[in-house]
Structures are given as C-alpha cells and as structure tokens.
Amino acid sequence: MPEILMVRKREYTEQRSPTLNTVLMVEETLRKADEVMTIGKLKRILPKQVMHQTLMAVIDYLEYSGKITVHEDKVLWTFKPQSKLKKTQGLIVR
C-alpha cells in the first residue's frame, strides 16, 4: 500500500518564505540537539531570531523532506544520511 504524504497548509495572512541560510540554521540546530524539543524552545535556542511563520514554513519543509518528525508541537531530528562510499563497495571499475 503506497504511503501518502500530507503537506500542511498554513493559513497566514502573509506567508513567509525562508532563506536558505534560515533553513540551514534551523537544520543545524535541530541536528545538534540531543532531545525532543518544543517549537518554543527551538525558537529560543536558535542563534538568530526567526519569525514564527517563517519557522513554521521551515519545519513544514523539513517534515515533508523526512528530516524531522513533528508530534504535538514537539520536534525531533530523524535524518541519517547514507555515505556514498558505502553504496559503492563491491563495485569493480574496468
């Protein structure tokens, strides 16, 4: 049975579009965190202030891309990249 991905549609008067720097900053903060944290705590520990609508757009993107899990306003980093070298083991170059 195929898995259906749902994208949350937020109803804001003005949708905020995050910059790449903002997305990377949130990603790095979540990756370094060793715990499940609330969105409020995430906002407090970010190195720079981020508007709530912008942060929620980043969180929606990261959840859609499979890097985080969100449950009841709590966020957890779940992404573990695979090494390209591990995939190429056993291949012979001619």
Protein backbone atom coordinates (compact mmCIF):
# COMPACT_ATOMS: atom_id res chain seq x y z
CA MET A 1 0.00 0.00 0.00
CA PRO A 2 1.64 3.32 -1.03
CA GLU A 3 2.31 5.84 1.68
CA ILE A 4 0.55 9.19 1.28
CA LEU A 5 2.48 12.29 2.29
CA MET A 6 0.41 15.16 3.60
CA VAL A 7 1.70 18.72 3.39
CA ARG A 8 0.25 21.08 5.97
CA LYS A 9 -1.31 24.18 4.53
CA ARG A 10 -0.95 27.02 6.98
CA GLU A 11 -3.41 29.87 6.81
CA TYR A 12 -1.39 33.03 7.39
CA THR A 13 -2.25 36.47 6.13
CA GLU A 14 1.22 36.74 4.65
CA GLN A 15 3.15 33.53 4.00
CA ARG A 16 6.82 33.83 4.89
CA SER A 17 9.43 32.34 2.60
CA PRO A 18 12.57 31.35 4.48
CA THR A 19 16.01 31.97 3.01
CA LEU A 20 18.46 29.14 2.53
CA ASN A 21 20.51 30.48 5.46
CA THR A 22 17.47 30.24 7.74
CA VAL A 23 16.70 26.67 6.65
CA LEU A 24 20.33 25.62 7.22
CA MET A 25 20.43 27.36 10.62
CA VAL A 26 17.29 25.52 11.80
CA GLU A 27 18.59 22.20 10.38
CA GLU A 28 21.91 22.52 12.17
CA THR A 29 20.28 23.49 15.47
CA LEU A 30 17.93 20.50 15.33
CA ARG A 31 20.70 18.11 14.25
CA LYS A 32 22.89 19.13 17.19
CA ALA A 33 20.05 18.85 19.71
CA ASP A 34 20.06 15.55 21.59
CA GLU A 35 16.44 15.73 22.67
CA VAL A 36 12.86 16.17 21.61
CA MET A 37 12.10 19.87 21.92
CA THR A 38 9.10 22.11 21.64
CA ILE A 39 8.87 24.70 18.90
CA GLY A 40 9.06 27.42 21.57
CA LYS A 41 12.34 26.04 22.91
CA LEU A 42 13.68 25.75 19.37
CA LYS A 43 12.90 29.44 18.79
CA ARG A 44 14.79 30.36 21.98
CA ILE A 45 17.95 28.38 21.18
CA LEU A 46 18.29 29.47 17.54
CA PRO A 47 21.37 31.70 17.05
CA LYS A 48 19.23 34.38 15.36
CA GLN A 49 15.59 35.35 15.80
CA VAL A 50 13.18 33.91 13.27
CA MET A 51 9.57 34.98 12.78
CA HIS A 52 7.07 32.32 13.82
CA GLN A 53 5.52 32.00 10.34
CA THR A 54 8.97 31.61 8.78
CA LEU A 55 9.98 28.97 11.34
CA MET A 56 6.78 27.03 10.73
CA ALA A 57 7.44 27.09 6.97
CA VAL A 58 10.93 25.64 7.62
CA ILE A 59 9.51 22.99 9.97
CA ASP A 60 6.88 22.01 7.38
CA TYR A 61 9.59 21.68 4.72
CA LEU A 62 11.88 19.60 6.97
CA GLU A 63 9.00 17.32 7.95
CA TYR A 64 7.97 16.88 4.30
CA SER A 65 11.55 16.05 3.29
CA GLY A 66 11.80 13.40 6.03
CA LYS A 67 14.47 15.08 8.13
CA ILE A 68 12.35 15.69 11.24
CA THR A 69 9.31 14.28 12.96
CA VAL A 70 6.71 16.61 14.46
CA HIS A 71 4.16 15.45 17.03
CA GLU A 72 2.04 17.72 19.22
CA ASP A 73 4.33 20.76 18.76
CA LYS A 74 7.43 18.71 19.58
CA VAL A 75 10.24 18.29 17.06
CA LEU A 76 12.87 15.56 16.70
CA TRP A 77 15.70 15.27 14.14
CA THR A 78 15.43 11.83 12.49
CA PHE A 79 17.50 12.06 9.30
CA LYS A 80 20.63 9.96 8.95
CA PRO A 81 22.46 10.41 5.64
CA GLN A 82 23.98 7.39 3.94
CA SER A 83 27.59 7.54 2.85
CA LYS A 84 28.15 7.35 -0.91
CA LEU A 85 31.21 5.16 -0.27
CA LYS A 86 29.12 2.51 1.48
CA LYS A 87 26.89 2.24 -1.59
CA THR A 88 29.83 1.74 -3.96
CA GLN A 89 31.57 -1.06 -2.04
CA GLY A 90 31.90 -4.19 -4.11
CA LEU A 91 31.85 -2.40 -7.46
CA ILE A 92 34.70 -3.09 -9.85
CA VAL A 93 35.95 -0.38 -12.17
CA ARG A 94 37.03 -1.64 -15.61
